[in-house]
Amino acid sequence: MARKAATQLKSVQWAWKQNGQFAKWASKYTKHLSASELLNEYEHHLRFWLWCMRKYRKCEPEEADVVLFTREDLWEALKRQPDGLTKEERKKLRELDRELKEHAHWMAKVLPDLPRIRRRLKPPRSHWWWFLDKLAEKKKRQQTAPKVTK
């Protein structure tokens, strides 16, 4: 699996370096996949990204981008095919989303230009994965806020 992930990462980095239009490349690659296949892609990319962050405390922005764009493509697939995931797959999606939200601070660190990406894509607020930097800021404020005791 690590070898496959490394090969995919190299192709992702190559595509990014070629024209800086990773979003187009990713969507072109994933457009034909079913919701179930995209869930597997999302899990794969999320796990690889988390592994990189845990091991090295840093990753290339492209590794984070692929997680967010795959999540977007999964949303699009579910919009086209609302029953595209089984009950077990929907549970897995919720778990993966929870894990991504837990690590919002890492995403904000790896993608400091997330606000610029958001301005370009103009996602609705319901596409929370594009607002992970905001979630990280909110969590940080909550953790640093003085606790009121009675």
N, C-alpha and C. Protein backbone atom coordinates (compact mmCIF):
# COMPACT_ATOMS: atom_id res chain seq x y z
N MET A 1 0.83 -1.19 0.00
CA MET A 1 0.00 0.00 0.00
C MET A 1 0.87 1.26 0.00
N ALA A 2 1.95 1.25 0.79
CA ALA A 2 2.82 2.42 0.85
C ALA A 2 3.44 2.70 -0.51
N ARG A 3 3.79 1.64 -1.23
CA ARG A 3 4.38 1.82 -2.56
C ARG A 3 3.37 2.45 -3.52
N LYS A 4 2.11 1.95 -3.46
CA LYS A 4 1.06 2.51 -4.31
C LYS A 4 0.84 3.98 -3.97
N ALA A 5 0.83 4.28 -2.67
CA ALA A 5 0.62 5.66 -2.24
C ALA A 5 1.76 6.55 -2.72
N ALA A 6 2.99 6.05 -2.63
CA ALA A 6 4.14 6.84 -3.08
C ALA A 6 4.07 7.08 -4.58
N THR A 7 3.66 6.07 -5.34
CA THR A 7 3.53 6.22 -6.79
C THR A 7 2.45 7.25 -7.11
N GLN A 8 1.31 7.16 -6.42
CA GLN A 8 0.24 8.13 -6.65
C GLN A 8 0.70 9.53 -6.27
N LEU A 9 1.42 9.64 -5.17
CA LEU A 9 1.90 10.95 -4.73
C LEU A 9 2.82 11.55 -5.79
N LYS A 10 3.71 10.75 -6.34
CA LYS A 10 4.62 11.25 -7.37
C LYS A 10 3.83 11.75 -8.58
N SER A 11 2.80 11.01 -8.98
CA SER A 11 2.00 11.44 -10.13
C SER A 11 1.24 12.72 -9.80
N VAL A 12 0.77 12.83 -8.56
CA VAL A 12 0.07 14.05 -8.13
C VAL A 12 1.03 15.23 -8.16
N GLN A 13 2.22 15.04 -7.60
CA GLN A 13 3.19 16.13 -7.58
C GLN A 13 3.60 16.51 -8.99
N TRP A 14 3.76 15.53 -9.87
CA TRP A 14 4.12 15.80 -11.25
C TRP A 14 3.03 16.64 -11.91
N ALA A 15 1.76 16.24 -11.69
CA ALA A 15 0.65 16.97 -12.30
C ALA A 15 0.62 18.40 -11.78
N TRP A 16 0.87 18.58 -10.49
CA TRP A 16 0.85 19.91 -9.91
C TRP A 16 1.95 20.77 -10.51
N LYS A 17 3.15 20.21 -10.61
CA LYS A 17 4.28 20.96 -11.12
C LYS A 17 4.12 21.29 -12.61
N GLN A 18 3.42 20.44 -13.33
CA GLN A 18 3.26 20.66 -14.76
C GLN A 18 2.48 21.93 -15.08
N ASN A 19 1.39 22.13 -14.38
CA ASN A 19 0.57 23.29 -14.76
C ASN A 19 -0.08 24.02 -13.58
N GLY A 20 0.16 23.57 -12.37
CA GLY A 20 -0.42 24.25 -11.21
C GLY A 20 -1.93 24.16 -11.14
N GLN A 21 -2.53 23.29 -11.91
CA GLN A 21 -3.99 23.17 -11.96
C GLN A 21 -4.42 21.82 -11.41
N PHE A 22 -4.04 21.53 -10.19
CA PHE A 22 -4.33 20.23 -9.62
C PHE A 22 -5.82 19.93 -9.56
N ALA A 23 -6.62 20.94 -9.26
CA ALA A 23 -8.06 20.73 -9.14
C ALA A 23 -8.63 20.13 -10.42
N LYS A 24 -8.23 20.68 -11.55
CA LYS A 24 -8.72 20.15 -12.83
C LYS A 24 -8.27 18.71 -13.02
N TRP A 25 -7.00 18.44 -12.71
CA TRP A 25 -6.46 17.09 -12.90
C TRP A 25 -7.18 16.10 -12.00
N ALA A 26 -7.37 16.47 -10.74
CA ALA A 26 -8.01 15.56 -9.79
C ALA A 26 -9.44 15.26 -10.21
N SER A 27 -10.18 16.29 -10.59
CA SER A 27 -11.56 16.08 -10.99
C SER A 27 -11.66 15.24 -12.26
N LYS A 28 -10.74 15.44 -13.16
CA LYS A 28 -10.73 14.65 -14.39
C LYS A 28 -10.51 13.18 -14.07
N TYR A 29 -9.63 12.92 -13.10
CA TYR A 29 -9.31 11.56 -12.69
C TYR A 29 -10.48 10.90 -11.96
N THR A 30 -11.19 11.66 -11.14
CA THR A 30 -12.20 11.07 -10.26
C THR A 30 -13.62 11.15 -10.79
N LYS A 31 -13.84 11.91 -11.84
CA LYS A 31 -15.20 12.14 -12.33
C LYS A 31 -15.96 10.84 -12.65
N HIS A 32 -15.26 9.85 -13.15
CA HIS A 32 -15.90 8.60 -13.55
C HIS A 32 -16.10 7.61 -12.41
N LEU A 33 -15.61 7.92 -11.21
CA LEU A 33 -15.70 6.99 -10.09
C LEU A 33 -17.05 7.08 -9.40
N SER A 34 -17.48 5.95 -8.86
CA SER A 34 -18.74 5.91 -8.10
C SER A 34 -18.49 6.51 -6.71
N ALA A 35 -19.57 6.76 -5.99
CA ALA A 35 -19.46 7.29 -4.64
C ALA A 35 -18.67 6.32 -3.75
N SER A 36 -18.92 5.05 -3.91
CA SER A 36 -18.21 4.04 -3.13
C SER A 36 -16.71 4.05 -3.43
N GLU A 37 -16.37 4.15 -4.71
CA GLU A 37 -14.95 4.22 -5.10
C GLU A 37 -14.31 5.51 -4.59
N LEU A 38 -15.05 6.59 -4.64
CA LEU A 38 -14.52 7.87 -4.14
C LEU A 38 -14.34 7.84 -2.63
N LEU A 39 -15.21 7.14 -1.93
CA LEU A 39 -15.04 6.98 -0.49
C LEU A 39 -13.72 6.27 -0.21
N ASN A 40 -13.43 5.24 -0.99
CA ASN A 40 -12.16 4.52 -0.83
C ASN A 40 -10.98 5.42 -1.14
N GLU A 41 -11.11 6.26 -2.17
CA GLU A 41 -10.05 7.22 -2.51
C GLU A 41 -9.86 8.23 -1.39
N TYR A 42 -10.96 8.73 -0.87
CA TYR A 42 -10.92 9.69 0.23
C TYR A 42 -10.22 9.08 1.44
N GLU A 43 -10.60 7.86 1.79
CA GLU A 43 -9.97 7.19 2.92
C GLU A 43 -8.48 7.02 2.67
N HIS A 44 -8.13 6.56 1.49
CA HIS A 44 -6.73 6.33 1.15
C HIS A 44 -5.91 7.62 1.27
N HIS A 45 -6.39 8.69 0.66
CA HIS A 45 -5.66 9.95 0.67
C HIS A 45 -5.61 10.57 2.08
N LEU A 46 -6.72 10.48 2.80
CA LEU A 46 -6.74 11.00 4.16
C LEU A 46 -5.76 10.24 5.04
N ARG A 47 -5.79 8.91 4.96
CA ARG A 47 -4.86 8.10 5.78
C ARG A 47 -3.40 8.40 5.42
N PHE A 48 -3.11 8.54 4.13
CA PHE A 48 -1.74 8.84 3.70
C PHE A 48 -1.31 10.20 4.23
N TRP A 49 -2.19 11.19 4.10
CA TRP A 49 -1.88 12.53 4.59
C TRP A 49 -1.66 12.53 6.10
N LEU A 50 -2.52 11.85 6.85
CA LEU A 50 -2.36 11.77 8.30
C LEU A 50 -1.07 11.05 8.67
N TRP A 51 -0.73 10.01 7.94
CA TRP A 51 0.52 9.29 8.18
C TRP A 51 1.71 10.23 8.00
N CYS A 52 1.71 10.99 6.92
CA CYS A 52 2.79 11.96 6.68
C CYS A 52 2.88 12.97 7.81
N MET A 53 1.76 13.50 8.21
CA MET A 53 1.75 14.52 9.25
C MET A 53 2.19 13.95 10.60
N ARG A 54 1.77 12.74 10.91
CA ARG A 54 2.18 12.13 12.18
C ARG A 54 3.67 11.80 12.18
N LYS A 55 4.14 11.31 11.05
CA LYS A 55 5.54 10.89 10.96
C LYS A 55 6.50 12.08 10.82
N TYR A 56 6.18 13.03 9.96
CA TYR A 56 7.11 14.11 9.64
C TYR A 56 6.68 15.48 10.15
N ARG A 57 5.43 15.60 10.62
CA ARG A 57 4.87 16.88 11.05
C ARG A 57 4.79 17.90 9.92
N LYS A 58 4.90 17.43 8.69
CA LYS A 58 4.72 18.30 7.52
C LYS A 58 4.42 17.43 6.31
N CYS A 59 3.84 18.05 5.32
CA CYS A 59 3.53 17.39 4.06
C CYS A 59 3.55 18.45 2.96
N GLU A 60 3.62 17.99 1.75
CA GLU A 60 3.49 18.90 0.62
C GLU A 60 2.04 19.37 0.53
N PRO A 61 1.80 20.60 0.10
CA PRO A 61 0.42 21.08 -0.04
C PRO A 61 -0.43 20.19 -0.95
N GLU A 62 0.19 19.60 -1.96
CA GLU A 62 -0.55 18.74 -2.89
C GLU A 62 -1.18 17.55 -2.18
N GLU A 63 -0.50 17.05 -1.14
CA GLU A 63 -1.02 15.91 -0.40
C GLU A 63 -2.29 16.30 0.36
N ALA A 64 -2.33 17.53 0.85
CA ALA A 64 -3.52 18.02 1.53
C ALA A 64 -4.62 18.36 0.52
N ASP A 65 -4.21 18.98 -0.59
CA ASP A 65 -5.17 19.32 -1.66
C ASP A 65 -5.95 18.10 -2.11
N VAL A 66 -5.25 16.99 -2.31
CA VAL A 66 -5.91 15.80 -2.84
C VAL A 66 -6.98 15.30 -1.87
N VAL A 67 -6.77 15.47 -0.58
CA VAL A 67 -7.78 15.07 0.40
C VAL A 67 -9.03 15.92 0.22
N LEU A 68 -8.85 17.24 0.13
CA LEU A 68 -9.99 18.15 0.03
C LEU A 68 -10.72 18.00 -1.30
N PHE A 69 -9.96 17.88 -2.39
CA PHE A 69 -10.62 17.74 -3.69
C PHE A 69 -11.32 16.39 -3.83
N THR A 70 -10.76 15.35 -3.22
CA THR A 70 -11.43 14.05 -3.25
C THR A 70 -12.71 14.11 -2.44
N ARG A 71 -12.67 14.83 -1.31
CA ARG A 71 -13.90 14.98 -0.50
C ARG A 71 -14.95 15.75 -1.29
N GLU A 72 -14.52 16.76 -2.04
CA GLU A 72 -15.44 17.52 -2.88
C GLU A 72 -16.05 16.62 -3.96
N ASP A 73 -15.21 15.82 -4.60
CA ASP A 73 -15.69 14.92 -5.65
C ASP A 73 -16.67 13.89 -5.08
N LEU A 74 -16.41 13.44 -3.85
CA LEU A 74 -17.32 12.50 -3.20
C LEU A 74 -18.67 13.18 -2.97
N TRP A 75 -18.66 14.43 -2.53
CA TRP A 75 -19.91 15.16 -2.34
C TRP A 75 -20.68 15.25 -3.66
N GLU A 76 -19.95 15.57 -4.75
CA GLU A 76 -20.58 15.67 -6.07
C GLU A 76 -21.20 14.33 -6.48
N ALA A 77 -20.49 13.24 -6.23
CA ALA A 77 -21.00 11.91 -6.58
C ALA A 77 -22.26 11.58 -5.78
N LEU A 78 -22.27 11.96 -4.51
CA LEU A 78 -23.45 11.71 -3.68
C LEU A 78 -24.63 12.58 -4.09
N LYS A 79 -24.32 13.75 -4.61
CA LYS A 79 -25.38 14.62 -5.13
C LYS A 79 -26.03 13.98 -6.36
N ARG A 80 -25.20 13.41 -7.22
CA ARG A 80 -25.72 12.74 -8.42
C ARG A 80 -26.42 11.43 -8.08
N GLN A 81 -25.89 10.75 -7.08
CA GLN A 81 -26.39 9.43 -6.72
C GLN A 81 -26.57 9.36 -5.20
N PRO A 82 -27.67 9.90 -4.67
CA PRO A 82 -27.87 9.99 -3.21
C PRO A 82 -27.77 8.65 -2.47
N ASP A 83 -28.12 7.57 -3.13
CA ASP A 83 -28.04 6.26 -2.48
C ASP A 83 -26.75 5.53 -2.87
N GLY A 84 -25.72 6.29 -3.21
CA GLY A 84 -24.46 5.71 -3.70
C GLY A 84 -23.62 5.01 -2.65
N LEU A 85 -23.96 5.21 -1.36
CA LEU A 85 -23.20 4.56 -0.29
C LEU A 85 -24.13 3.70 0.55
N THR A 86 -23.61 2.57 0.99
CA THR A 86 -24.36 1.70 1.90
C THR A 86 -24.37 2.33 3.29
N LYS A 87 -25.14 1.77 4.19
CA LYS A 87 -25.20 2.25 5.57
C LYS A 87 -23.81 2.19 6.21
N GLU A 88 -23.09 1.11 5.97
CA GLU A 88 -21.75 0.95 6.53
C GLU A 88 -20.79 1.99 5.94
N GLU A 89 -20.92 2.25 4.65
CA GLU A 89 -20.06 3.24 4.01
C GLU A 89 -20.35 4.65 4.52
N ARG A 90 -21.62 4.94 4.77
CA ARG A 90 -21.97 6.26 5.33
C ARG A 90 -21.38 6.42 6.73
N LYS A 91 -21.38 5.34 7.50
CA LYS A 91 -20.77 5.37 8.82
C LYS A 91 -19.26 5.63 8.68
N LYS A 92 -18.64 4.97 7.73
CA LYS A 92 -17.21 5.17 7.48
C LYS A 92 -16.93 6.61 7.08
N LEU A 93 -17.78 7.18 6.24
CA LEU A 93 -17.63 8.58 5.82
C LEU A 93 -17.70 9.51 7.03
N ARG A 94 -18.65 9.28 7.91
CA ARG A 94 -18.76 10.12 9.11
C ARG A 94 -17.48 10.01 9.96
N GLU A 95 -16.94 8.81 10.08
CA GLU A 95 -15.72 8.60 10.86
C GLU A 95 -14.54 9.32 10.21
N LEU A 96 -14.41 9.21 8.89
CA LEU A 96 -13.32 9.88 8.18
C LEU A 96 -13.45 11.39 8.30
N ASP A 97 -14.67 11.89 8.15
CA ASP A 97 -14.90 13.33 8.28
C ASP A 97 -14.55 13.81 9.69
N ARG A 98 -14.92 13.03 10.69
CA ARG A 98 -14.60 13.39 12.07
C ARG A 98 -13.08 13.45 12.25
N GLU A 99 -12.39 12.49 11.66
CA GLU A 99 -10.93 12.47 11.77
C GLU A 99 -10.30 13.67 11.07
N LEU A 100 -10.84 14.04 9.91
CA LEU A 100 -10.32 15.21 9.20
C LEU A 100 -10.56 16.48 10.04
N LYS A 101 -11.74 16.60 10.61
CA LYS A 101 -12.05 17.76 11.44
C LYS A 101 -11.14 17.83 12.67
N GLU A 102 -10.84 16.67 13.26
CA GLU A 102 -9.94 16.62 14.41
C GLU A 102 -8.57 17.19 14.09
N HIS A 103 -8.17 17.06 12.84
CA HIS A 103 -6.84 17.50 12.42
C HIS A 103 -6.90 18.76 11.55
N ALA A 104 -7.92 19.56 11.78
CA ALA A 104 -8.08 20.81 11.02
C ALA A 104 -6.86 21.71 11.18
N HIS A 105 -6.26 21.70 12.37
CA HIS A 105 -5.08 22.54 12.61
C HIS A 105 -3.91 22.14 11.70
N TRP A 106 -3.78 20.86 11.42
CA TRP A 106 -2.73 20.42 10.50
C TRP A 106 -3.01 20.89 9.09
N MET A 107 -4.28 20.82 8.70
CA MET A 107 -4.64 21.26 7.34
C MET A 107 -4.35 22.76 7.20
N ALA A 108 -4.68 23.53 8.22
CA ALA A 108 -4.42 24.97 8.19
C ALA A 108 -2.92 25.24 8.09
N LYS A 109 -2.12 24.41 8.74
CA LYS A 109 -0.67 24.57 8.70
C LYS A 109 -0.12 24.24 7.31
N VAL A 110 -0.60 23.16 6.72
CA VAL A 110 -0.10 22.70 5.42
C VAL A 110 -0.62 23.57 4.28
N LEU A 111 -1.84 24.08 4.43
CA LEU A 111 -2.44 24.90 3.38
C LEU A 111 -2.71 26.31 3.89
N PRO A 112 -1.68 27.11 4.09
CA PRO A 112 -1.92 28.47 4.56
C PRO A 112 -2.68 29.32 3.54
N ASP A 113 -2.71 28.87 2.28
CA ASP A 113 -3.44 29.62 1.25
C ASP A 113 -4.86 29.10 1.06
N LEU A 114 -5.39 28.38 2.06
CA LEU A 114 -6.76 27.89 1.97
C LEU A 114 -7.78 29.01 1.75
N PRO A 115 -7.62 30.18 2.37
CA PRO A 115 -8.56 31.27 2.08
C PRO A 115 -8.55 31.67 0.59
N ARG A 116 -7.37 31.69 0.00
CA ARG A 116 -7.26 32.03 -1.43
C ARG A 116 -7.94 30.96 -2.29
N ILE A 117 -7.75 29.71 -1.94
CA ILE A 117 -8.39 28.60 -2.66
C ILE A 117 -9.91 28.75 -2.55
N ARG A 118 -10.37 29.08 -1.34
CA ARG A 118 -11.80 29.25 -1.09
C ARG A 118 -12.37 30.39 -1.92
N ARG A 119 -11.65 31.49 -2.00
CA ARG A 119 -12.13 32.62 -2.82
C ARG A 119 -12.24 32.22 -4.28
N ARG A 120 -11.33 31.39 -4.75
CA ARG A 120 -11.36 30.95 -6.14
C ARG A 120 -12.51 29.97 -6.40
N LEU A 121 -12.71 29.03 -5.49
CA LEU A 121 -13.72 27.99 -5.69
C LEU A 121 -15.13 28.43 -5.29
N LYS A 122 -15.22 29.36 -4.34
CA LYS A 122 -16.51 29.84 -3.82
C LYS A 122 -17.42 28.70 -3.35
N PRO A 123 -16.93 27.85 -2.46
CA PRO A 123 -17.78 26.74 -1.98
C PRO A 123 -18.83 27.24 -1.00
N PRO A 124 -19.98 26.56 -0.94
CA PRO A 124 -20.97 26.93 0.09
C PRO A 124 -20.44 26.51 1.47
N ARG A 125 -20.95 27.13 2.52
CA ARG A 125 -20.50 26.81 3.89
C ARG A 125 -20.75 25.35 4.23
N SER A 126 -21.73 24.74 3.58
CA SER A 126 -22.01 23.32 3.86
C SER A 126 -20.85 22.42 3.45
N HIS A 127 -19.96 22.92 2.62
CA HIS A 127 -18.77 22.16 2.23
C HIS A 127 -17.66 22.51 3.23
N TRP A 128 -17.86 22.06 4.45
CA TRP A 128 -17.03 22.43 5.60
C TRP A 128 -15.54 22.14 5.39
N TRP A 129 -15.19 21.18 4.56
CA TRP A 129 -13.78 20.81 4.35
C TRP A 129 -12.96 21.96 3.77
N TRP A 130 -13.61 22.90 3.12
CA TRP A 130 -12.89 24.07 2.59
C TRP A 130 -12.70 25.14 3.66
N PHE A 131 -13.26 24.92 4.84
CA PHE A 131 -13.20 25.90 5.92
C PHE A 131 -12.47 25.35 7.15
N LEU A 132 -11.59 24.39 6.94
CA LEU A 132 -10.89 23.77 8.06
C LEU A 132 -9.99 24.77 8.80
N ASP A 133 -9.48 25.76 8.10
CA ASP A 133 -8.68 26.78 8.77
C ASP A 133 -9.54 27.55 9.78
N LYS A 134 -10.77 27.83 9.40
CA LYS A 134 -11.70 28.53 10.31
C LYS A 134 -12.02 27.66 11.52
N LEU A 135 -12.23 26.36 11.27
CA LEU A 135 -12.50 25.42 12.36
C LEU A 135 -11.31 25.35 13.32
N ALA A 136 -10.10 25.32 12.76
CA ALA A 136 -8.89 25.29 13.59
C ALA A 136 -8.79 26.56 14.44
N GLU A 137 -9.09 27.72 13.85
CA GLU A 137 -9.05 28.98 14.59
C GLU A 137 -10.06 28.97 15.73
N LYS A 138 -11.26 28.47 15.44
CA LYS A 138 -12.32 28.41 16.45
C LYS A 138 -11.91 27.50 17.61
N LYS A 139 -11.36 26.33 17.29
CA LYS A 139 -10.92 25.41 18.33
C LYS A 139 -9.81 26.03 19.18
N LYS A 140 -8.90 26.73 18.52
CA LYS A 140 -7.79 27.37 19.25
C LYS A 140 -8.32 28.43 20.20
N ARG A 141 -9.27 29.24 19.73
CA ARG A 141 -9.87 30.27 20.59
C ARG A 141 -10.57 29.63 21.80
N GLN A 142 -11.27 28.53 21.56
CA GLN A 142 -11.98 27.86 22.64
C GLN A 142 -11.01 27.29 23.68
N GLN A 143 -9.87 26.80 23.19
CA GLN A 143 -8.88 26.21 24.10
C GLN A 143 -8.15 27.28 24.91
N THR A 144 -7.97 28.45 24.31
CA THR A 144 -7.22 29.51 24.99
C THR A 144 -8.12 30.48 25.76
N ALA A 145 -9.42 30.36 25.58
CA ALA A 145 -10.35 31.26 26.29
C ALA A 145 -10.29 30.96 27.79
N PRO A 146 -10.33 32.00 28.60
CA PRO A 146 -10.31 31.77 30.05
C PRO A 146 -11.56 31.02 30.49
N LYS A 147 -11.35 30.08 31.35
CA LYS A 147 -12.48 29.27 31.85
C LYS A 147 -13.14 30.03 33.01
N VAL A 148 -14.45 30.08 32.95
CA VAL A 148 -15.22 30.76 34.00
C VAL A 148 -15.64 29.72 35.02
N THR A 149 -15.28 29.97 36.25
CA THR A 149 -15.69 29.04 37.32
C THR A 149 -16.70 29.71 38.22
N LYS A 150 -17.58 28.92 38.77
CA LYS A 150 -18.63 29.45 39.64
C LYS A 150 -18.21 29.36 41.07
